[in-house]
């Protein structure tokens, strides 16, 4: 029986092989998997906002793409991961509600995806698969033994990347 670790909003965790790490209800939030393919250790972070720079209450680094991804990477290196072996998969970043305004502030999902990609690029971590955008929520489940990310949706089925 594989260990199953659940990650909440503005939260992160790491699972060793064999194990499953999951997060529920990704709407505009983004779930970022970091995976050391050589030792099969995976980390998952559930970010809520793109940047900590314009928020006064930014003590929870994990809440933001710009600080959370790097924090997760550091924790994985402490567990024995080699940064050069780490790849990523991302999911979420939906536009859950339609707004009449074209205000960028209302496009949280898209901004979360952009910030996540920029942060991963700056850290030189390749994104090998993604399922982002749309207007529907996702639940994701990553299997450390296979490296597969299962994405479950309501109305859009289940698939793996």
N, C-alpha and C. Protein backbone atom coordinates (compact mmCIF):
# COMPACT_ATOMS: atom_id res chain seq x y z
N UNK A 1 0.84 -1.19 0.00
CA UNK A 1 0.00 0.00 0.00
C UNK A 1 0.88 1.25 0.00
N UNK A 2 0.66 2.12 -0.98
CA UNK A 2 1.44 3.34 -1.06
C UNK A 2 0.94 4.38 -0.06
N UNK A 3 1.86 5.12 0.49
CA UNK A 3 1.54 6.22 1.40
C UNK A 3 0.90 7.33 0.58
N UNK A 4 -0.19 7.94 1.07
CA UNK A 4 -0.85 9.06 0.40
C UNK A 4 -0.71 10.29 1.29
N UNK A 5 -0.13 11.35 0.72
CA UNK A 5 0.06 12.60 1.45
C UNK A 5 -0.83 13.66 0.79
N UNK A 6 -1.65 14.33 1.61
CA UNK A 6 -2.52 15.40 1.11
C UNK A 6 -1.89 16.75 1.39
N UNK A 7 -2.00 17.63 0.42
CA UNK A 7 -1.47 18.99 0.52
C UNK A 7 -2.64 19.96 0.42
N UNK A 8 -2.76 20.86 1.39
CA UNK A 8 -3.83 21.85 1.38
C UNK A 8 -3.45 23.11 0.61
N UNK A 9 -4.34 24.09 0.64
CA UNK A 9 -4.06 25.38 -0.01
C UNK A 9 -2.93 26.09 0.74
N UNK A 10 -2.05 26.75 -0.02
CA UNK A 10 -0.91 27.47 0.55
C UNK A 10 -0.09 26.53 1.43
N UNK A 11 0.10 25.30 0.92
CA UNK A 11 0.78 24.26 1.66
C UNK A 11 1.70 23.51 0.70
N UNK A 12 2.59 22.69 1.26
CA UNK A 12 3.48 21.86 0.46
C UNK A 12 3.87 20.64 1.27
N UNK A 13 4.35 19.62 0.54
CA UNK A 13 4.88 18.46 1.22
C UNK A 13 5.73 17.68 0.23
N UNK A 14 6.42 16.66 0.75
CA UNK A 14 7.33 15.84 -0.05
C UNK A 14 6.99 14.39 0.22
N UNK A 15 7.04 13.57 -0.83
CA UNK A 15 6.78 12.14 -0.69
C UNK A 15 7.96 11.35 -1.28
N UNK A 16 8.33 10.29 -0.57
CA UNK A 16 9.39 9.41 -1.06
C UNK A 16 8.74 8.21 -1.75
N UNK A 17 9.51 7.49 -2.51
CA UNK A 17 9.03 6.36 -3.28
C UNK A 17 8.88 5.13 -2.38
N UNK A 18 7.80 4.35 -2.49
CA UNK A 18 6.63 4.63 -3.33
C UNK A 18 5.62 5.45 -2.54
N UNK A 19 5.04 6.41 -3.17
CA UNK A 19 4.06 7.25 -2.50
C UNK A 19 3.26 8.05 -3.48
N UNK A 20 2.17 8.60 -2.99
CA UNK A 20 1.28 9.45 -3.78
C UNK A 20 1.13 10.76 -3.02
N UNK A 21 1.18 11.85 -3.76
CA UNK A 21 0.97 13.17 -3.16
C UNK A 21 -0.14 13.84 -3.95
N UNK A 22 -1.09 14.45 -3.23
CA UNK A 22 -2.29 14.95 -3.89
C UNK A 22 -2.72 16.29 -3.32
N UNK A 23 -3.44 17.06 -4.13
CA UNK A 23 -4.10 18.27 -3.65
C UNK A 23 -5.44 18.38 -4.35
N UNK A 24 -6.41 18.90 -3.62
CA UNK A 24 -7.78 19.00 -4.10
C UNK A 24 -8.13 20.43 -4.46
N UNK A 25 -9.05 20.57 -5.38
CA UNK A 25 -9.68 21.86 -5.63
C UNK A 25 -8.79 22.95 -6.19
N UNK A 26 -7.97 22.62 -7.18
CA UNK A 26 -7.20 23.67 -7.85
C UNK A 26 -8.14 24.41 -8.80
N UNK A 27 -8.44 25.65 -8.46
CA UNK A 27 -9.18 26.53 -9.36
C UNK A 27 -8.18 27.47 -9.99
N UNK A 28 -8.14 28.71 -9.48
CA UNK A 28 -7.12 29.65 -9.96
C UNK A 28 -5.75 29.33 -9.38
N UNK A 29 -5.72 28.55 -8.31
CA UNK A 29 -4.44 28.12 -7.72
C UNK A 29 -3.70 27.19 -8.69
N UNK A 30 -2.41 27.04 -8.46
CA UNK A 30 -1.60 26.15 -9.29
C UNK A 30 -0.92 25.13 -8.40
N UNK A 31 -0.96 23.88 -8.83
CA UNK A 31 -0.23 22.82 -8.19
C UNK A 31 1.04 22.57 -8.98
N UNK A 32 2.18 22.65 -8.31
CA UNK A 32 3.47 22.46 -8.98
C UNK A 32 4.13 21.23 -8.37
N UNK A 33 4.43 20.28 -9.23
CA UNK A 33 5.15 19.08 -8.82
C UNK A 33 6.62 19.28 -9.18
N UNK A 34 7.50 19.04 -8.23
CA UNK A 34 8.93 18.93 -8.50
C UNK A 34 9.29 17.47 -8.26
N UNK A 35 10.04 16.87 -9.18
CA UNK A 35 10.29 15.44 -9.13
C UNK A 35 11.72 15.13 -9.49
N UNK A 36 12.42 14.49 -8.54
CA UNK A 36 13.77 14.01 -8.81
C UNK A 36 13.61 12.60 -9.38
N UNK A 37 13.76 12.50 -10.69
CA UNK A 37 13.48 11.25 -11.38
C UNK A 37 14.48 10.14 -11.05
N UNK A 38 15.66 10.49 -10.56
CA UNK A 38 16.65 9.46 -10.26
C UNK A 38 16.37 8.75 -8.93
N UNK A 39 15.91 9.49 -7.91
CA UNK A 39 15.61 8.85 -6.63
C UNK A 39 14.11 8.80 -6.32
N UNK A 40 13.32 9.28 -7.27
CA UNK A 40 11.86 9.19 -7.21
C UNK A 40 11.26 9.84 -5.96
N UNK A 41 11.78 11.01 -5.63
CA UNK A 41 11.20 11.83 -4.58
C UNK A 41 10.45 12.98 -5.25
N UNK A 42 9.22 13.23 -4.77
CA UNK A 42 8.38 14.28 -5.37
C UNK A 42 7.94 15.27 -4.30
N UNK A 43 7.89 16.52 -4.71
CA UNK A 43 7.34 17.56 -3.86
C UNK A 43 6.16 18.20 -4.57
N UNK A 44 5.18 18.64 -3.80
CA UNK A 44 4.01 19.32 -4.35
C UNK A 44 3.75 20.57 -3.54
N UNK A 45 3.54 21.66 -4.25
CA UNK A 45 3.16 22.92 -3.62
C UNK A 45 1.87 23.41 -4.26
N UNK A 46 0.96 23.92 -3.44
CA UNK A 46 -0.33 24.43 -3.88
C UNK A 46 -0.29 25.95 -3.66
N UNK A 47 0.09 26.68 -4.71
CA UNK A 47 0.23 28.14 -4.58
C UNK A 47 -1.11 28.83 -4.86
N UNK A 48 -1.32 29.95 -4.18
CA UNK A 48 -2.57 30.70 -4.32
C UNK A 48 -2.40 31.99 -5.11
N UNK A 49 -1.21 32.60 -5.01
CA UNK A 49 -0.99 33.91 -5.61
C UNK A 49 0.36 33.95 -6.32
N UNK A 50 0.49 34.80 -7.33
CA UNK A 50 1.72 34.82 -8.12
C UNK A 50 2.93 35.43 -7.43
N UNK A 51 2.72 36.48 -6.64
CA UNK A 51 3.89 37.22 -6.14
C UNK A 51 3.68 37.68 -4.71
N UNK A 52 4.74 37.56 -3.93
CA UNK A 52 4.72 38.03 -2.54
C UNK A 52 5.11 39.50 -2.44
N UNK A 53 5.54 40.08 -3.53
CA UNK A 53 6.13 41.43 -3.50
C UNK A 53 5.12 42.55 -3.23
N UNK A 54 3.85 42.34 -3.57
CA UNK A 54 2.86 43.42 -3.43
C UNK A 54 1.83 43.12 -2.35
N UNK A 55 2.14 42.17 -1.48
CA UNK A 55 1.21 41.75 -0.43
C UNK A 55 1.85 42.05 0.93
N UNK A 56 1.09 42.70 1.81
CA UNK A 56 1.63 43.01 3.13
C UNK A 56 1.79 41.77 3.99
N UNK A 57 0.79 40.89 3.99
CA UNK A 57 0.85 39.68 4.80
C UNK A 57 1.43 38.55 3.95
N UNK A 58 2.75 38.55 3.83
CA UNK A 58 3.41 37.56 2.97
C UNK A 58 4.33 36.63 3.76
N UNK A 59 3.99 36.39 5.02
CA UNK A 59 4.83 35.54 5.88
C UNK A 59 4.84 34.08 5.43
N UNK A 60 3.72 33.60 4.87
CA UNK A 60 3.65 32.22 4.39
C UNK A 60 4.23 32.16 2.98
N UNK A 61 5.52 31.83 2.88
CA UNK A 61 6.21 31.78 1.58
C UNK A 61 5.54 30.81 0.61
N UNK A 62 4.92 29.78 1.14
CA UNK A 62 4.34 28.73 0.32
C UNK A 62 3.10 29.21 -0.43
N UNK A 63 2.51 30.28 0.01
CA UNK A 63 1.31 30.81 -0.61
C UNK A 63 1.58 31.39 -2.01
N UNK A 64 2.82 31.75 -2.29
CA UNK A 64 3.18 32.50 -3.50
C UNK A 64 4.12 31.71 -4.42
N UNK A 65 3.91 31.85 -5.71
CA UNK A 65 4.77 31.16 -6.68
C UNK A 65 6.22 31.63 -6.57
N UNK A 66 6.42 32.93 -6.43
CA UNK A 66 7.79 33.48 -6.47
C UNK A 66 8.65 33.04 -5.30
N UNK A 67 8.05 32.72 -4.16
CA UNK A 67 8.83 32.29 -2.99
C UNK A 67 8.62 30.81 -2.66
N UNK A 68 7.46 30.29 -2.93
CA UNK A 68 7.12 28.93 -2.55
C UNK A 68 7.87 27.85 -3.31
N UNK A 69 8.01 28.03 -4.62
CA UNK A 69 8.68 27.01 -5.43
C UNK A 69 10.13 26.86 -4.98
N UNK A 70 10.80 27.96 -4.76
CA UNK A 70 12.19 27.90 -4.31
C UNK A 70 12.30 27.26 -2.93
N UNK A 71 11.34 27.55 -2.06
CA UNK A 71 11.32 26.95 -0.73
C UNK A 71 11.18 25.43 -0.83
N UNK A 72 10.26 24.97 -1.69
CA UNK A 72 10.07 23.53 -1.90
C UNK A 72 11.35 22.90 -2.44
N UNK A 73 11.96 23.54 -3.41
CA UNK A 73 13.21 23.02 -3.98
C UNK A 73 14.27 22.87 -2.89
N UNK A 74 14.43 23.87 -2.05
CA UNK A 74 15.42 23.80 -0.96
C UNK A 74 15.13 22.63 -0.03
N UNK A 75 13.86 22.40 0.29
CA UNK A 75 13.49 21.30 1.17
C UNK A 75 13.78 19.94 0.51
N UNK A 76 13.60 19.86 -0.80
CA UNK A 76 13.87 18.60 -1.51
C UNK A 76 15.38 18.32 -1.55
N UNK A 77 16.17 19.36 -1.72
CA UNK A 77 17.64 19.19 -1.72
C UNK A 77 18.08 18.69 -0.34
N UNK A 78 17.47 19.20 0.72
CA UNK A 78 17.78 18.73 2.07
C UNK A 78 17.47 17.24 2.24
N UNK A 79 16.50 16.74 1.46
CA UNK A 79 16.12 15.31 1.52
C UNK A 79 16.99 14.44 0.62
N UNK A 80 17.97 15.07 -0.06
CA UNK A 80 18.89 14.29 -0.89
C UNK A 80 18.68 14.40 -2.38
N UNK A 81 17.75 15.24 -2.80
CA UNK A 81 17.53 15.42 -4.24
C UNK A 81 18.66 16.22 -4.86
N UNK A 82 18.92 15.93 -6.12
CA UNK A 82 19.92 16.66 -6.90
C UNK A 82 19.18 17.61 -7.83
N UNK A 83 19.42 18.90 -7.69
CA UNK A 83 18.70 19.90 -8.48
C UNK A 83 18.76 19.62 -9.98
N UNK A 84 19.88 19.08 -10.45
CA UNK A 84 20.02 18.84 -11.89
C UNK A 84 19.15 17.67 -12.37
N UNK A 85 18.60 16.87 -11.44
CA UNK A 85 17.72 15.76 -11.82
C UNK A 85 16.24 16.12 -11.70
N UNK A 86 15.93 17.32 -11.26
CA UNK A 86 14.55 17.68 -10.96
C UNK A 86 13.85 18.24 -12.20
N UNK A 87 12.66 17.71 -12.44
CA UNK A 87 11.77 18.19 -13.50
C UNK A 87 10.48 18.65 -12.82
N UNK A 88 9.59 19.28 -13.59
CA UNK A 88 8.34 19.74 -13.00
C UNK A 88 7.15 19.45 -13.92
N UNK A 89 6.00 19.39 -13.28
CA UNK A 89 4.71 19.31 -13.96
C UNK A 89 3.81 20.29 -13.22
N UNK A 90 2.95 20.99 -13.97
CA UNK A 90 2.07 21.97 -13.33
C UNK A 90 0.63 21.78 -13.79
N UNK A 91 -0.30 22.14 -12.92
CA UNK A 91 -1.73 22.05 -13.25
C UNK A 91 -2.49 23.12 -12.48
N UNK A 92 -3.59 23.57 -13.07
CA UNK A 92 -4.46 24.56 -12.43
C UNK A 92 -4.45 25.86 -13.19
N UNK A 93 -4.62 26.94 -12.47
CA UNK A 93 -4.59 28.27 -13.08
C UNK A 93 -5.82 28.59 -13.91
N UNK A 94 -6.97 28.11 -13.48
CA UNK A 94 -8.22 28.36 -14.21
C UNK A 94 -8.74 29.76 -13.95
N UNK A 95 -9.59 30.20 -14.85
CA UNK A 95 -10.37 31.43 -14.66
C UNK A 95 -11.76 30.94 -14.27
N UNK A 96 -12.00 30.84 -12.97
CA UNK A 96 -13.22 30.20 -12.48
C UNK A 96 -14.47 31.05 -12.65
N UNK A 97 -14.30 32.36 -12.73
CA UNK A 97 -15.46 33.25 -12.84
C UNK A 97 -15.20 34.24 -13.96
N UNK A 98 -16.25 34.65 -14.66
CA UNK A 98 -16.07 35.64 -15.72
C UNK A 98 -16.37 37.02 -15.15
N UNK A 99 -15.55 37.96 -15.57
CA UNK A 99 -15.68 39.34 -15.13
C UNK A 99 -15.84 40.23 -16.35
N UNK A 100 -16.62 41.30 -16.21
CA UNK A 100 -16.80 42.22 -17.32
C UNK A 100 -15.57 43.09 -17.54
N UNK A 101 -14.77 43.24 -16.52
CA UNK A 101 -13.57 44.07 -16.60
C UNK A 101 -12.40 43.27 -17.19
N UNK A 102 -11.52 43.94 -17.90
CA UNK A 102 -10.31 43.32 -18.42
C UNK A 102 -9.13 43.54 -17.47
N UNK A 103 -9.41 43.90 -16.24
CA UNK A 103 -8.40 44.18 -15.24
C UNK A 103 -7.53 42.94 -15.00
N UNK A 104 -6.21 43.10 -15.15
CA UNK A 104 -5.27 41.99 -14.94
C UNK A 104 -5.36 41.40 -13.54
N UNK A 105 -5.72 42.21 -12.56
CA UNK A 105 -5.81 41.73 -11.18
C UNK A 105 -6.85 40.62 -11.05
N UNK A 106 -7.83 40.61 -11.92
CA UNK A 106 -8.90 39.61 -11.84
C UNK A 106 -8.49 38.31 -12.52
N UNK A 107 -7.41 38.30 -13.26
CA UNK A 107 -6.94 37.10 -13.97
C UNK A 107 -5.90 36.37 -13.11
N UNK A 108 -6.31 35.99 -11.91
CA UNK A 108 -5.39 35.37 -10.95
C UNK A 108 -4.83 34.06 -11.50
N UNK A 109 -5.68 33.21 -12.06
CA UNK A 109 -5.21 31.92 -12.57
C UNK A 109 -4.11 32.06 -13.60
N UNK A 110 -4.34 32.91 -14.58
CA UNK A 110 -3.34 33.13 -15.62
C UNK A 110 -2.05 33.71 -15.04
N UNK A 111 -2.19 34.65 -14.11
CA UNK A 111 -1.01 35.24 -13.48
C UNK A 111 -0.26 34.22 -12.64
N UNK A 112 -0.98 33.31 -11.99
CA UNK A 112 -0.33 32.25 -11.22
C UNK A 112 0.48 31.33 -12.13
N UNK A 113 -0.07 30.99 -13.27
CA UNK A 113 0.64 30.12 -14.22
C UNK A 113 1.90 30.82 -14.74
N UNK A 114 1.76 32.07 -15.14
CA UNK A 114 2.91 32.83 -15.67
C UNK A 114 4.01 32.93 -14.62
N UNK A 115 3.65 33.28 -13.39
CA UNK A 115 4.64 33.42 -12.33
C UNK A 115 5.31 32.08 -12.01
N UNK A 116 4.52 31.00 -12.01
CA UNK A 116 5.08 29.67 -11.76
C UNK A 116 6.10 29.30 -12.83
N UNK A 117 5.75 29.56 -14.09
CA UNK A 117 6.66 29.25 -15.20
C UNK A 117 7.93 30.10 -15.13
N UNK A 118 7.77 31.38 -14.82
CA UNK A 118 8.94 32.26 -14.71
C UNK A 118 9.87 31.82 -13.59
N UNK A 119 9.29 31.43 -12.46
CA UNK A 119 10.10 30.99 -11.31
C UNK A 119 10.83 29.69 -11.64
N UNK A 120 10.13 28.74 -12.26
CA UNK A 120 10.77 27.47 -12.63
C UNK A 120 11.90 27.71 -13.64
N UNK A 121 11.66 28.62 -14.59
CA UNK A 121 12.70 28.93 -15.58
C UNK A 121 13.92 29.55 -14.90
N UNK A 122 13.70 30.47 -13.97
CA UNK A 122 14.80 31.10 -13.25
C UNK A 122 15.60 30.08 -12.44
N UNK A 123 14.92 29.06 -11.94
CA UNK A 123 15.57 28.00 -11.16
C UNK A 123 16.14 26.89 -12.06
N UNK A 124 15.96 27.05 -13.37
CA UNK A 124 16.45 26.08 -14.37
C UNK A 124 15.83 24.68 -14.17
N UNK A 125 14.54 24.67 -13.85
CA UNK A 125 13.80 23.42 -13.71
C UNK A 125 12.85 23.31 -14.90
N UNK A 126 13.06 22.30 -15.76
CA UNK A 126 12.20 22.17 -16.94
C UNK A 126 10.79 21.71 -16.58
N UNK A 127 9.81 22.30 -17.27
CA UNK A 127 8.42 21.86 -17.17
C UNK A 127 8.23 20.83 -18.29
N UNK A 128 7.96 19.59 -17.90
CA UNK A 128 7.82 18.55 -18.93
C UNK A 128 6.36 18.28 -19.30
N UNK A 129 5.43 18.78 -18.49
CA UNK A 129 4.01 18.61 -18.81
C UNK A 129 3.19 19.63 -18.02
N UNK A 130 2.08 20.03 -18.61
CA UNK A 130 1.19 20.95 -17.91
C UNK A 130 -0.25 20.76 -18.37
N UNK A 131 -1.16 21.10 -17.48
CA UNK A 131 -2.59 21.14 -17.76
C UNK A 131 -3.11 22.38 -17.03
N UNK A 132 -3.13 23.50 -17.75
CA UNK A 132 -3.45 24.78 -17.12
C UNK A 132 -4.53 25.51 -17.91
N UNK A 133 -5.11 26.52 -17.25
CA UNK A 133 -6.11 27.36 -17.89
C UNK A 133 -7.50 26.75 -17.83
N UNK A 134 -8.35 27.20 -18.73
CA UNK A 134 -9.74 26.74 -18.75
C UNK A 134 -10.56 27.43 -17.68
N UNK A 135 -11.74 26.87 -17.45
CA UNK A 135 -12.65 27.47 -16.46
C UNK A 135 -13.22 26.42 -15.52
N UNK A 136 -12.41 25.42 -15.21
CA UNK A 136 -12.85 24.33 -14.36
C UNK A 136 -11.76 23.95 -13.36
N UNK A 137 -12.20 23.36 -12.26
CA UNK A 137 -11.28 22.97 -11.20
C UNK A 137 -10.64 21.62 -11.47
N UNK A 138 -9.57 21.36 -10.76
CA UNK A 138 -8.82 20.11 -10.90
C UNK A 138 -8.41 19.59 -9.54
N UNK A 139 -8.35 18.28 -9.44
CA UNK A 139 -7.70 17.60 -8.33
C UNK A 139 -6.56 16.82 -8.95
N UNK A 140 -5.37 16.92 -8.35
CA UNK A 140 -4.22 16.23 -8.94
C UNK A 140 -3.64 15.22 -7.95
N UNK A 141 -3.04 14.19 -8.54
CA UNK A 141 -2.47 13.09 -7.76
C UNK A 141 -1.20 12.63 -8.47
N UNK A 142 -0.05 12.79 -7.81
CA UNK A 142 1.23 12.42 -8.42
C UNK A 142 1.74 11.12 -7.78
N UNK A 143 2.17 10.20 -8.65
CA UNK A 143 2.68 8.90 -8.21
C UNK A 143 4.20 8.90 -8.35
N UNK A 144 4.89 8.83 -7.21
CA UNK A 144 6.35 8.92 -7.24
C UNK A 144 7.02 7.72 -7.89
N UNK A 145 6.39 6.57 -7.86
CA UNK A 145 7.02 5.39 -8.46
C UNK A 145 7.00 5.42 -9.99
N UNK A 146 6.00 6.09 -10.59
CA UNK A 146 5.90 6.13 -12.05
C UNK A 146 6.18 7.50 -12.65
N UNK A 147 6.09 8.55 -11.84
CA UNK A 147 6.26 9.90 -12.36
C UNK A 147 5.03 10.42 -13.08
N UNK A 148 3.90 9.76 -12.91
CA UNK A 148 2.67 10.17 -13.60
C UNK A 148 1.83 11.08 -12.72
N UNK A 149 1.28 12.11 -13.36
CA UNK A 149 0.37 13.04 -12.69
C UNK A 149 -1.03 12.78 -13.22
N UNK A 150 -1.92 12.34 -12.33
CA UNK A 150 -3.31 12.09 -12.67
C UNK A 150 -4.09 13.37 -12.37
N UNK A 151 -4.88 13.82 -13.36
CA UNK A 151 -5.68 15.03 -13.21
C UNK A 151 -7.15 14.63 -13.30
N UNK A 152 -7.89 14.97 -12.25
CA UNK A 152 -9.32 14.63 -12.20
C UNK A 152 -10.12 15.94 -12.24
N UNK A 153 -11.16 15.94 -13.09
CA UNK A 153 -12.00 17.12 -13.21
C UNK A 153 -13.46 16.71 -13.20
N UNK A 154 -14.33 17.66 -12.96
CA UNK A 154 -15.76 17.41 -13.12
C UNK A 154 -16.14 17.97 -14.48
N UNK A 155 -16.68 17.11 -15.31
CA UNK A 155 -17.12 17.54 -16.64
C UNK A 155 -16.06 17.48 -17.72
N UNK A 156 -14.82 17.25 -17.33
CA UNK A 156 -13.72 17.16 -18.31
C UNK A 156 -12.92 15.87 -18.17
N UNK A 157 -13.42 14.96 -17.36
CA UNK A 157 -12.82 13.63 -17.25
C UNK A 157 -11.55 13.59 -16.43
N UNK A 158 -10.89 12.45 -16.54
CA UNK A 158 -9.63 12.17 -15.86
C UNK A 158 -8.59 11.83 -16.91
N UNK A 159 -7.40 12.37 -16.75
CA UNK A 159 -6.31 12.02 -17.67
C UNK A 159 -4.98 12.12 -16.94
N UNK A 160 -3.93 11.67 -17.59
CA UNK A 160 -2.60 11.72 -16.96
C UNK A 160 -1.61 12.45 -17.86
N UNK A 161 -0.69 13.10 -17.20
CA UNK A 161 0.39 13.78 -17.94
C UNK A 161 1.71 13.40 -17.29
